[in-house]
Amino acid sequence: MEFFSAPGMKEYKRIAGMNIGRVAIILVTRNGKKSPESRFALIVESARQYTIKMNELKFFYRSFRAKFPVEDDCTFCRFFPYEGVFELNPD
């Protein structure tokens, strides 16, 4: 019996089922016309890690919005779980 299920756990379980228990969380940011787009991937291997990383990224998003209050094509911050199948190589 589960006592607590955070929002997003169904999503985590569905994606982890495709990737042997792993989920990639993608962070995409850009802060102005002169700045290139940055992409970062986090690999988590448990529901607990997933919840912790998503909460950390929510705080990152809040601080980004505080520094750059206007969101447009050149200034944005997005994070989301990657919903496809992926393979991890040892290198």
N, C-alpha and C. Protein backbone atom coordinates (compact mmCIF):
# COMPACT_ATOMS: atom_id res chain seq x y z
N MET A 1 0.83 -1.17 0.00
CA MET A 1 0.00 0.00 0.00
C MET A 1 0.88 1.24 0.00
N GLU A 2 0.59 2.19 -0.87
CA GLU A 2 1.35 3.43 -0.93
C GLU A 2 0.65 4.48 -0.09
N PHE A 3 1.41 5.14 0.78
CA PHE A 3 0.84 6.17 1.62
C PHE A 3 0.82 7.52 0.92
N PHE A 4 1.83 7.79 0.11
CA PHE A 4 1.96 9.10 -0.51
C PHE A 4 2.39 8.92 -1.95
N SER A 5 1.73 9.60 -2.84
CA SER A 5 2.11 9.57 -4.25
C SER A 5 2.14 11.00 -4.76
N ALA A 6 3.33 11.49 -5.02
CA ALA A 6 3.50 12.86 -5.49
C ALA A 6 2.96 13.00 -6.90
N PRO A 7 2.55 14.22 -7.29
CA PRO A 7 2.13 14.42 -8.67
C PRO A 7 3.30 14.12 -9.59
N GLY A 8 3.07 13.38 -10.62
CA GLY A 8 4.13 13.02 -11.54
C GLY A 8 4.63 11.60 -11.37
N MET A 9 4.18 10.89 -10.34
CA MET A 9 4.66 9.52 -10.12
C MET A 9 4.14 8.58 -11.20
N LYS A 10 2.92 8.78 -11.67
CA LYS A 10 2.42 7.95 -12.77
C LYS A 10 3.26 8.17 -14.01
N GLU A 11 3.61 9.42 -14.25
CA GLU A 11 4.46 9.78 -15.39
C GLU A 11 5.84 9.12 -15.23
N TYR A 12 6.42 9.20 -14.02
CA TYR A 12 7.72 8.58 -13.76
C TYR A 12 7.66 7.08 -14.02
N LYS A 13 6.66 6.41 -13.48
CA LYS A 13 6.56 4.95 -13.62
C LYS A 13 6.40 4.54 -15.07
N ARG A 14 5.63 5.32 -15.84
CA ARG A 14 5.43 5.00 -17.25
C ARG A 14 6.74 5.12 -18.03
N ILE A 15 7.49 6.20 -17.81
CA ILE A 15 8.74 6.41 -18.54
C ILE A 15 9.82 5.45 -18.06
N ALA A 16 9.90 5.21 -16.76
CA ALA A 16 10.90 4.30 -16.21
C ALA A 16 10.68 2.88 -16.72
N GLY A 17 9.44 2.51 -16.97
CA GLY A 17 9.15 1.19 -17.51
C GLY A 17 9.74 0.97 -18.89
N MET A 18 9.91 2.04 -19.66
CA MET A 18 10.50 1.94 -21.00
C MET A 18 12.02 1.87 -20.96
N ASN A 19 12.65 2.40 -19.91
CA ASN A 19 14.10 2.58 -19.87
C ASN A 19 14.78 1.86 -18.70
N ILE A 20 14.32 0.69 -18.36
CA ILE A 20 14.92 -0.13 -17.31
C ILE A 20 15.07 0.66 -16.00
N GLY A 21 14.03 1.36 -15.62
CA GLY A 21 14.02 2.07 -14.35
C GLY A 21 14.70 3.42 -14.34
N ARG A 22 15.14 3.91 -15.48
CA ARG A 22 15.81 5.21 -15.54
C ARG A 22 14.94 6.24 -16.26
N VAL A 23 15.06 7.49 -15.82
CA VAL A 23 14.35 8.59 -16.46
C VAL A 23 15.35 9.73 -16.67
N ALA A 24 15.32 10.33 -17.85
CA ALA A 24 16.15 11.50 -18.14
C ALA A 24 15.28 12.75 -18.01
N ILE A 25 15.78 13.71 -17.26
CA ILE A 25 15.11 15.01 -17.13
C ILE A 25 15.93 16.01 -17.92
N ILE A 26 15.30 16.70 -18.84
CA ILE A 26 15.99 17.65 -19.71
C ILE A 26 15.72 19.08 -19.22
N LEU A 27 16.79 19.86 -19.11
CA LEU A 27 16.70 21.28 -18.76
C LEU A 27 17.21 22.07 -19.95
N VAL A 28 16.41 23.02 -20.43
CA VAL A 28 16.78 23.87 -21.58
C VAL A 28 16.64 25.32 -21.14
N THR A 29 17.73 26.09 -21.27
CA THR A 29 17.70 27.50 -20.89
C THR A 29 18.36 28.36 -21.96
N ARG A 30 17.95 29.60 -21.98
CA ARG A 30 18.60 30.63 -22.80
C ARG A 30 18.28 31.96 -22.15
N ASN A 31 19.28 32.82 -22.01
CA ASN A 31 19.05 34.10 -21.32
C ASN A 31 19.47 35.29 -22.16
N GLY A 32 18.82 35.46 -23.28
CA GLY A 32 19.04 36.64 -24.11
C GLY A 32 19.46 36.29 -25.53
N LYS A 33 19.44 37.30 -26.39
CA LYS A 33 19.76 37.08 -27.80
C LYS A 33 21.21 36.69 -28.03
N LYS A 34 22.12 37.19 -27.20
CA LYS A 34 23.54 36.90 -27.38
C LYS A 34 23.95 35.55 -26.80
N SER A 35 23.12 35.00 -25.98
CA SER A 35 23.43 33.74 -25.30
C SER A 35 22.92 32.55 -26.11
N PRO A 36 23.74 31.49 -26.26
CA PRO A 36 23.24 30.29 -26.95
C PRO A 36 22.33 29.48 -26.02
N GLU A 37 21.54 28.62 -26.62
CA GLU A 37 20.67 27.73 -25.85
C GLU A 37 21.53 26.67 -25.17
N SER A 38 21.25 26.40 -23.91
CA SER A 38 21.96 25.37 -23.15
C SER A 38 21.01 24.23 -22.85
N ARG A 39 21.49 23.00 -23.04
CA ARG A 39 20.70 21.81 -22.73
C ARG A 39 21.49 20.95 -21.75
N PHE A 40 20.78 20.41 -20.79
CA PHE A 40 21.40 19.61 -19.74
C PHE A 40 20.48 18.44 -19.44
N ALA A 41 21.04 17.25 -19.31
CA ALA A 41 20.23 16.07 -19.01
C ALA A 41 20.65 15.48 -17.66
N LEU A 42 19.68 15.18 -16.84
CA LEU A 42 19.89 14.50 -15.56
C LEU A 42 19.29 13.11 -15.68
N ILE A 43 20.04 12.10 -15.27
CA ILE A 43 19.53 10.73 -15.28
C ILE A 43 19.23 10.35 -13.83
N VAL A 44 18.01 9.94 -13.56
CA VAL A 44 17.62 9.50 -12.22
C VAL A 44 17.20 8.03 -12.29
N GLU A 45 17.45 7.31 -11.20
CA GLU A 45 17.20 5.87 -11.20
C GLU A 45 16.17 5.43 -10.17
N SER A 46 15.53 6.38 -9.49
CA SER A 46 14.49 6.01 -8.54
C SER A 46 13.44 7.11 -8.48
N ALA A 47 12.29 6.75 -7.95
CA ALA A 47 11.21 7.73 -7.81
C ALA A 47 11.61 8.84 -6.85
N ARG A 48 12.37 8.51 -5.83
CA ARG A 48 12.82 9.51 -4.86
C ARG A 48 13.75 10.52 -5.52
N GLN A 49 14.72 10.02 -6.31
CA GLN A 49 15.62 10.93 -7.03
C GLN A 49 14.84 11.81 -8.00
N TYR A 50 13.86 11.23 -8.67
CA TYR A 50 13.04 11.98 -9.62
C TYR A 50 12.33 13.14 -8.92
N THR A 51 11.72 12.87 -7.78
CA THR A 51 11.00 13.90 -7.03
C THR A 51 11.95 14.99 -6.56
N ILE A 52 13.11 14.60 -6.04
CA ILE A 52 14.09 15.57 -5.55
C ILE A 52 14.58 16.47 -6.69
N LYS A 53 14.94 15.88 -7.82
CA LYS A 53 15.46 16.67 -8.94
C LYS A 53 14.39 17.59 -9.52
N MET A 54 13.16 17.12 -9.63
CA MET A 54 12.09 17.98 -10.16
C MET A 54 11.84 19.16 -9.22
N ASN A 55 11.90 18.93 -7.90
CA ASN A 55 11.74 20.03 -6.94
C ASN A 55 12.91 21.01 -7.03
N GLU A 56 14.14 20.50 -7.19
CA GLU A 56 15.30 21.38 -7.34
C GLU A 56 15.15 22.23 -8.60
N LEU A 57 14.66 21.63 -9.68
CA LEU A 57 14.49 22.38 -10.92
C LEU A 57 13.37 23.41 -10.81
N LYS A 58 12.37 23.15 -9.99
CA LYS A 58 11.32 24.16 -9.76
C LYS A 58 11.92 25.39 -9.08
N PHE A 59 12.81 25.18 -8.11
CA PHE A 59 13.47 26.31 -7.46
C PHE A 59 14.41 27.03 -8.42
N PHE A 60 15.10 26.27 -9.27
CA PHE A 60 15.95 26.89 -10.30
C PHE A 60 15.11 27.75 -11.23
N TYR A 61 13.94 27.24 -11.63
CA TYR A 61 13.03 27.99 -12.50
C TYR A 61 12.59 29.29 -11.84
N ARG A 62 12.25 29.22 -10.56
CA ARG A 62 11.82 30.43 -9.84
C ARG A 62 12.93 31.48 -9.80
N SER A 63 14.17 31.05 -9.54
CA SER A 63 15.27 32.01 -9.50
C SER A 63 15.56 32.57 -10.89
N PHE A 64 15.41 31.75 -11.93
CA PHE A 64 15.58 32.22 -13.31
C PHE A 64 14.54 33.27 -13.63
N ARG A 65 13.28 33.01 -13.25
CA ARG A 65 12.19 33.97 -13.50
C ARG A 65 12.42 35.28 -12.73
N ALA A 66 13.01 35.19 -11.53
CA ALA A 66 13.29 36.40 -10.76
C ALA A 66 14.35 37.25 -11.45
N LYS A 67 15.34 36.59 -12.04
CA LYS A 67 16.41 37.33 -12.72
C LYS A 67 15.98 37.81 -14.10
N PHE A 68 15.20 36.99 -14.82
CA PHE A 68 14.72 37.32 -16.17
C PHE A 68 13.19 37.23 -16.17
N PRO A 69 12.49 38.28 -15.76
CA PRO A 69 11.03 38.19 -15.61
C PRO A 69 10.25 38.07 -16.92
N VAL A 70 10.82 38.51 -18.04
CA VAL A 70 10.12 38.45 -19.32
C VAL A 70 10.57 37.20 -20.07
N GLU A 71 9.60 36.37 -20.46
CA GLU A 71 9.92 35.16 -21.21
C GLU A 71 9.52 35.37 -22.67
N ASP A 72 10.46 35.10 -23.58
CA ASP A 72 10.19 35.20 -25.01
C ASP A 72 11.00 34.13 -25.74
N ASP A 73 11.18 34.28 -27.05
CA ASP A 73 11.91 33.28 -27.83
C ASP A 73 13.39 33.21 -27.48
N CYS A 74 13.94 34.28 -26.94
CA CYS A 74 15.37 34.34 -26.63
C CYS A 74 15.67 34.21 -25.14
N THR A 75 14.67 34.23 -24.31
CA THR A 75 14.87 34.11 -22.87
C THR A 75 13.84 33.14 -22.32
N PHE A 76 14.32 31.94 -21.93
CA PHE A 76 13.39 30.94 -21.42
C PHE A 76 14.11 29.92 -20.55
N CYS A 77 13.35 29.21 -19.78
CA CYS A 77 13.84 28.12 -18.94
C CYS A 77 12.75 27.05 -18.93
N ARG A 78 13.10 25.86 -19.39
CA ARG A 78 12.12 24.75 -19.44
C ARG A 78 12.78 23.48 -18.91
N PHE A 79 12.00 22.67 -18.24
CA PHE A 79 12.48 21.34 -17.86
C PHE A 79 11.33 20.36 -17.96
N PHE A 80 11.67 19.13 -18.35
CA PHE A 80 10.65 18.12 -18.59
C PHE A 80 11.31 16.75 -18.63
N PRO A 81 10.58 15.69 -18.30
CA PRO A 81 11.13 14.34 -18.45
C PRO A 81 11.13 13.93 -19.92
N TYR A 82 12.21 13.31 -20.35
CA TYR A 82 12.31 12.82 -21.73
C TYR A 82 11.44 11.58 -21.85
N GLU A 83 10.52 11.57 -22.79
CA GLU A 83 9.53 10.50 -22.87
C GLU A 83 9.88 9.40 -23.85
N GLY A 84 11.07 9.41 -24.40
CA GLY A 84 11.46 8.37 -25.35
C GLY A 84 12.33 7.31 -24.71
N VAL A 85 12.69 6.32 -25.51
CA VAL A 85 13.58 5.26 -25.07
C VAL A 85 15.01 5.73 -25.33
N PHE A 86 15.91 5.51 -24.36
CA PHE A 86 17.31 5.89 -24.55
C PHE A 86 18.20 4.79 -23.99
N GLU A 87 19.46 4.79 -24.45
CA GLU A 87 20.45 3.83 -23.97
C GLU A 87 21.61 4.59 -23.37
N LEU A 88 22.17 4.08 -22.28
CA LEU A 88 23.34 4.67 -21.66
C LEU A 88 24.56 3.84 -22.01
N ASN A 89 25.57 4.50 -22.55
CA ASN A 89 26.84 3.83 -22.84
C ASN A 89 27.79 4.06 -21.68
N PRO A 90 28.69 3.11 -21.41
CA PRO A 90 29.61 3.29 -20.28
C PRO A 90 30.59 4.45 -20.45
N ASP A 91 30.85 4.91 -21.69
CA ASP A 91 31.82 6.01 -21.84
C ASP A 91 31.14 7.31 -21.70
